[in-house]
Protein backbone atom coordinates (compact mmCIF):
# COMPACT_ATOMS: atom_id res chain seq x y z
CA MET A 1 78.71 123.96 114.58
CA THR A 2 80.09 126.81 116.68
CA ASP A 3 78.82 130.15 115.40
CA LEU A 4 81.47 132.07 113.45
CA ALA A 5 79.24 134.78 112.08
CA VAL A 6 80.50 137.60 114.28
CA TYR A 7 84.00 137.25 112.93
CA GLY A 8 85.43 138.57 109.73
CA PRO A 9 87.20 137.33 106.63
CA TRP A 10 89.42 134.36 106.24
CA ALA A 11 92.53 133.93 104.18
CA VAL A 12 93.20 130.42 102.99
CA ILE A 13 96.85 131.20 102.49
CA ALA A 14 97.95 127.97 100.94
CA GLY A 15 96.56 125.21 98.82
CA GLY A 16 93.03 126.54 98.64
CA SER A 17 92.21 124.94 95.32
CA GLU A 18 91.86 121.25 96.17
CA GLY A 19 91.32 118.70 98.90
CA VAL A 20 91.27 119.88 102.51
CA GLY A 21 92.06 123.49 101.57
CA ALA A 22 89.15 123.85 99.17
CA GLU A 23 86.70 122.06 101.46
CA PHE A 24 87.87 124.05 104.45
CA ALA A 25 87.23 127.29 102.53
CA ARG A 26 83.75 126.06 101.58
CA GLN A 27 82.84 124.98 105.12
CA LEU A 28 84.17 128.17 106.66
CA ALA A 29 82.18 130.25 104.22
CA ALA A 30 79.03 128.28 104.98
CA ALA A 31 79.57 128.35 108.75
CA GLY A 32 80.38 132.01 109.06
CA TYR A 33 78.51 133.81 106.33
CA ALA A 34 75.57 131.72 105.22
CA ALA A 35 73.42 134.86 104.98
CA GLU A 36 75.98 137.44 103.86
CA GLY A 37 78.08 135.43 101.43
CA ALA A 38 81.56 134.04 101.88
CA ARG A 39 84.45 136.17 103.00
CA VAL A 40 87.35 133.93 102.08
CA VAL A 41 90.54 134.80 100.26
CA VAL A 42 91.76 131.78 98.29
CA ALA A 43 95.53 132.15 97.88
CA GLU A 44 96.63 129.63 95.29
CA LEU A 45 99.34 129.11 92.67
CA ASP A 46 97.04 127.48 90.10
CA PRO A 47 94.88 130.34 88.78
CA ALA A 48 92.18 128.22 87.17
CA ALA A 49 91.67 125.98 90.19
CA GLY A 50 91.93 128.82 92.69
CA GLN A 51 89.50 131.02 90.78
CA ALA A 52 87.01 128.16 90.52
CA VAL A 53 86.96 127.65 94.28
CA ALA A 54 86.69 131.39 94.97
CA GLU A 55 83.79 131.77 92.56
CA ALA A 56 82.00 128.75 93.98
CA ILE A 57 82.01 130.19 97.51
CA GLY A 58 81.71 133.87 96.63
CA GLY A 59 85.23 134.61 97.79
CA VAL A 60 88.28 136.31 96.31
CA PHE A 61 91.14 134.61 94.48
CA VAL A 62 94.71 135.87 94.79
CA ALA A 63 97.45 134.29 92.68
CA THR A 64 100.01 133.22 95.26
CA ASP A 65 103.30 131.39 95.18
CA VAL A 66 103.80 130.48 98.83
CA ALA A 67 107.55 130.32 98.29
CA ASN A 68 107.42 134.08 97.58
CA ARG A 69 107.12 136.35 100.62
CA ALA A 70 105.67 139.26 98.64
CA ASP A 71 102.84 137.05 97.34
CA LEU A 72 101.81 136.03 100.84
CA GLU A 73 101.97 139.58 102.12
CA ASN A 74 99.79 140.58 99.18
CA ALA A 75 97.25 137.88 100.06
CA VAL A 76 96.99 139.24 103.59
CA GLN A 77 96.65 142.79 102.32
CA THR A 78 93.93 141.64 99.91
CA ALA A 79 91.92 140.30 102.86
CA LEU A 80 92.36 143.62 104.63
CA SER A 81 91.38 145.71 101.62
CA GLU A 82 88.40 143.52 100.68
CA TYR A 83 87.00 142.87 104.16
CA GLY A 84 88.68 145.23 106.59
CA SER A 85 90.39 142.62 108.76
CA ILE A 86 91.95 139.20 108.75
CA ASP A 87 90.94 136.75 111.44
CA ILE A 88 91.90 133.25 110.27
CA VAL A 89 95.00 132.12 108.43
CA VAL A 90 95.27 128.59 107.07
CA ASN A 91 98.57 127.24 105.77
CA ASN A 92 97.80 124.20 103.66
CA ALA A 93 100.09 124.32 100.61
CA TRP A 94 102.69 121.88 99.44
CA GLY A 95 104.77 122.16 96.32
CA GLY A 96 105.18 118.60 95.19
CA GLY A 97 108.45 116.79 95.79
CA SER A 98 109.30 113.23 94.91
CA ILE A 99 109.85 109.99 96.75
CA GLY A 100 113.51 109.04 97.08
CA ARG A 101 116.28 108.17 99.48
CA VAL A 102 117.99 110.79 101.64
CA GLU A 103 121.29 110.35 99.82
CA ASN A 104 119.63 110.99 96.47
CA LYS A 105 117.87 114.22 97.47
CA THR A 106 119.24 117.43 96.01
CA ASP A 107 119.90 120.75 97.65
CA GLU A 108 117.25 122.26 95.38
CA GLN A 109 114.58 119.77 96.50
CA LEU A 110 115.25 120.42 100.15
CA ALA A 111 115.34 124.20 99.69
CA GLN A 112 112.04 124.17 97.79
CA GLY A 113 110.39 122.02 100.45
CA ILE A 114 111.49 124.33 103.26
CA ALA A 115 110.46 127.43 101.28
CA VAL A 116 106.94 126.15 100.64
CA GLY A 117 106.34 124.16 103.81
CA TYR A 118 108.02 126.37 106.40
CA TYR A 119 108.89 129.86 105.17
CA GLY A 120 105.54 130.32 103.43
CA PRO A 121 103.52 129.74 106.60
CA PHE A 122 105.97 131.88 108.59
CA TRP A 123 105.59 134.81 106.19
CA ALA A 124 101.80 134.51 106.22
CA MET A 125 101.64 134.35 110.01
CA ARG A 126 104.01 137.26 110.45
CA ALA A 127 102.06 139.42 108.01
CA ALA A 128 98.68 138.70 109.61
CA PHE A 129 99.60 138.76 113.29
CA PRO A 130 99.63 142.55 113.89
CA TYR A 131 96.04 142.82 112.63
CA MET A 132 94.87 139.86 114.69
CA LYS A 133 96.61 141.23 117.77
CA ALA A 134 94.91 144.59 117.30
CA ARG A 135 91.50 142.85 117.45
CA SER A 136 92.58 140.50 120.28
CA TRP A 137 91.27 137.59 118.22
CA GLY A 138 92.81 135.31 115.65
CA ARG A 139 93.16 131.72 114.52
CA VAL A 140 96.17 130.23 112.75
CA ILE A 141 95.87 126.66 111.50
CA ASN A 142 98.92 124.93 110.01
CA MET A 143 98.52 121.69 108.14
CA CYS A 144 101.39 119.43 109.18
CA SER A 145 101.89 115.71 108.65
CA LEU A 146 102.41 112.32 110.23
CA ASN A 147 105.23 111.89 107.71
CA GLY A 148 107.51 113.96 109.88
CA VAL A 149 106.23 112.63 113.20
CA ASN A 150 106.77 109.01 112.14
CA ALA A 151 109.77 109.70 109.88
CA HIS A 152 108.22 108.12 106.80
CA MET A 153 110.73 106.95 104.26
CA GLY A 154 111.32 108.71 100.99
CA SER A 155 109.99 112.19 101.78
CA LEU A 156 112.83 114.04 103.51
CA GLU A 157 111.98 117.54 102.30
CA TYR A 158 108.33 117.13 103.27
CA ASN A 159 109.10 115.59 106.66
CA ALA A 160 111.63 118.28 107.53
CA ALA A 161 109.39 121.17 106.48
CA LYS A 162 106.35 119.87 108.33
CA GLU A 163 108.20 119.22 111.58
CA ALA A 164 109.78 122.67 111.37
CA LEU A 165 106.28 124.05 110.90
CA ARG A 166 105.11 122.26 114.03
CA ALA A 167 107.96 123.89 115.97
CA LEU A 168 106.92 127.27 114.56
CA THR A 169 103.32 126.51 115.55
CA ARG A 170 104.18 125.77 119.18
CA THR A 171 106.56 128.71 119.53
CA ALA A 172 104.09 131.20 118.07
CA ALA A 173 101.33 129.74 120.24
CA ARG A 174 103.39 130.33 123.36
CA GLU A 175 104.40 133.85 122.42
CA TRP A 176 101.01 134.94 121.11
CA ALA A 177 98.82 133.33 123.79
CA PRO A 178 98.30 136.60 125.74
CA THR A 179 97.01 138.35 122.61
CA GLY A 180 93.96 136.19 121.96
CA VAL A 181 95.52 134.58 118.89
CA THR A 182 95.60 130.77 118.89
CA VAL A 183 97.97 128.71 116.76
CA ASN A 184 97.42 125.00 116.16
CA ALA A 185 98.54 122.33 113.73
CA ILE A 186 96.71 119.37 112.25
CA CYS A 187 98.40 116.12 111.31
CA PRO A 188 95.90 114.36 109.04
CA ALA A 189 95.86 110.97 107.41
CA ALA A 190 93.72 111.45 104.33
CA LYS A 191 93.32 110.43 100.72
CA SER A 192 94.05 113.84 99.31
CA GLN A 193 95.06 114.65 95.75
CA ALA A 194 98.67 114.73 96.94
CA PHE A 195 98.25 111.22 98.34
CA PHE A 196 96.93 109.93 95.03
CA ARG A 197 99.85 111.53 93.21
CA ALA A 198 102.15 109.44 95.43
CA VAL A 199 100.03 106.37 94.72
CA GLY A 200 100.77 106.96 91.05
CA GLN A 201 104.45 106.36 91.80
CA TYR A 202 103.81 103.46 94.19
CA PRO A 203 100.54 101.72 93.17
CA GLY A 204 100.47 99.48 96.24
CA LEU A 205 100.60 102.39 98.66
CA GLU A 206 96.83 102.89 99.05
CA ALA A 207 96.13 99.35 100.18
CA MET A 208 99.20 99.39 102.44
CA ALA A 209 98.13 102.65 104.08
CA ASP A 210 94.55 101.48 104.61
CA ALA A 211 95.71 98.22 106.16
CA ALA A 212 98.10 100.00 108.55
CA ASN A 213 95.43 102.37 109.86
CA PRO A 214 93.72 101.27 113.09
CA MET A 215 90.34 102.17 111.59
CA GLY A 216 91.17 100.28 108.41
CA ARG A 217 91.08 103.30 106.14
CA LEU A 218 92.68 106.64 105.52
CA GLY A 219 90.41 109.61 106.12
CA ASP A 220 88.31 111.61 103.71
CA PRO A 221 89.54 115.22 103.32
CA TYR A 222 85.98 116.52 103.18
CA ASP A 223 84.17 114.62 105.92
CA ASP A 224 87.01 113.75 108.30
CA ILE A 225 89.61 116.52 108.14
CA ALA A 226 87.95 119.83 107.16
CA PRO A 227 85.42 119.83 110.03
CA VAL A 228 88.26 119.63 112.56
CA ALA A 229 89.93 122.61 110.90
CA VAL A 230 86.64 124.53 111.09
CA PHE A 231 86.47 123.81 114.82
CA LEU A 232 90.01 125.12 115.32
CA ALA A 233 88.91 128.31 113.56
CA SER A 234 85.87 128.79 115.77
CA GLU A 235 85.08 130.93 118.79
CA GLY A 236 84.75 127.73 120.79
CA CYS A 237 88.43 127.00 120.29
CA GLY A 238 89.73 130.07 122.09
CA TYR A 239 91.40 128.10 124.91
CA LEU A 240 93.17 125.53 122.74
CA THR A 241 96.56 126.58 121.40
CA GLY A 242 99.93 125.04 120.61
CA ASN A 243 98.36 121.65 119.98
CA THR A 244 98.59 119.10 117.19
CA PRO A 245 95.35 117.14 116.74
CA PHE A 246 96.18 113.89 114.98
CA VAL A 247 93.18 113.47 112.70
CA ASP A 248 94.36 110.12 111.51
CA GLY A 249 92.14 107.26 112.63
CA GLY A 250 94.68 106.44 115.34
CA SER A 251 97.68 106.06 113.04
CA HIS A 252 99.95 108.04 115.36
CA ILE A 253 99.45 105.70 118.31
CA ASN A 254 102.02 103.12 117.30
CA GLY A 255 103.39 104.74 114.17
CA VAL A 256 102.82 103.69 110.60
CA ALA A 257 105.13 101.09 109.12
CA TRP A 258 105.23 102.42 105.58
CA ALA A 259 108.36 100.94 104.00
CA PRO A 260 108.29 101.29 100.21
CA ASP A 261 110.98 99.59 98.14
CA LEU A 262 113.16 102.63 97.61
CA ASP A 263 115.73 100.54 95.75
CA ALA A 264 113.16 100.49 92.95
CA GLU A 265 112.66 104.25 93.08
CA GLN A 266 112.62 106.32 89.96
CA PRO A 267 115.55 108.74 89.49
CA ASN A 268 114.98 112.15 91.04
């Protein structure tokens, strides 16, 4: 593992209470501050879950609705006040959504998806960038999705938000490259809590997704996805920016033919 110990606090600015976000916070804390204790701000909407993760790693919990700009700015300021700087921003949150056809999606569903999946990361990045630029060092990691890349059926608001986030990632990477701040996205294929919530609506989805993956399985958020995120946050990743690692067992190579029976969908 690349040594992170010379660098300061991290803000897990979205979805730090479960899955990849929680494991990423744990692995970052262990990699960077094994002797001194974790310096991670867990920004999370669910207070019980967020507080539990923060306590487990010795970090700080900040109640955060990522669809609220002031909450994200407060999370960044908390990192600054607690630790004196902010070096790594991770945008991992998603606010739910439901599976349904494009013509059945509502304006409210699309607006909520864009607020959480695009504006939230934008606000967090904008708030943190001046402090990263001042130190000539920073890492921004945006969790995106194969759903948008492959245009998966049934998840318009998610697909649109995640592809917009990838455009933001590349643009910021280009503009910020001279400052020492890198910006990368990850498109994972993993059995996260969000995945299992979708399985609850479509029970056959898990077996279908495993069968479609070239490696015969979807990834594990803890062992397969979080370590890649830790690498992107490391000193050794200073020359990699504007990229989208597909941490997906090869699913992106030929696309994933997920075609649920949307005619049997539940009403939105």
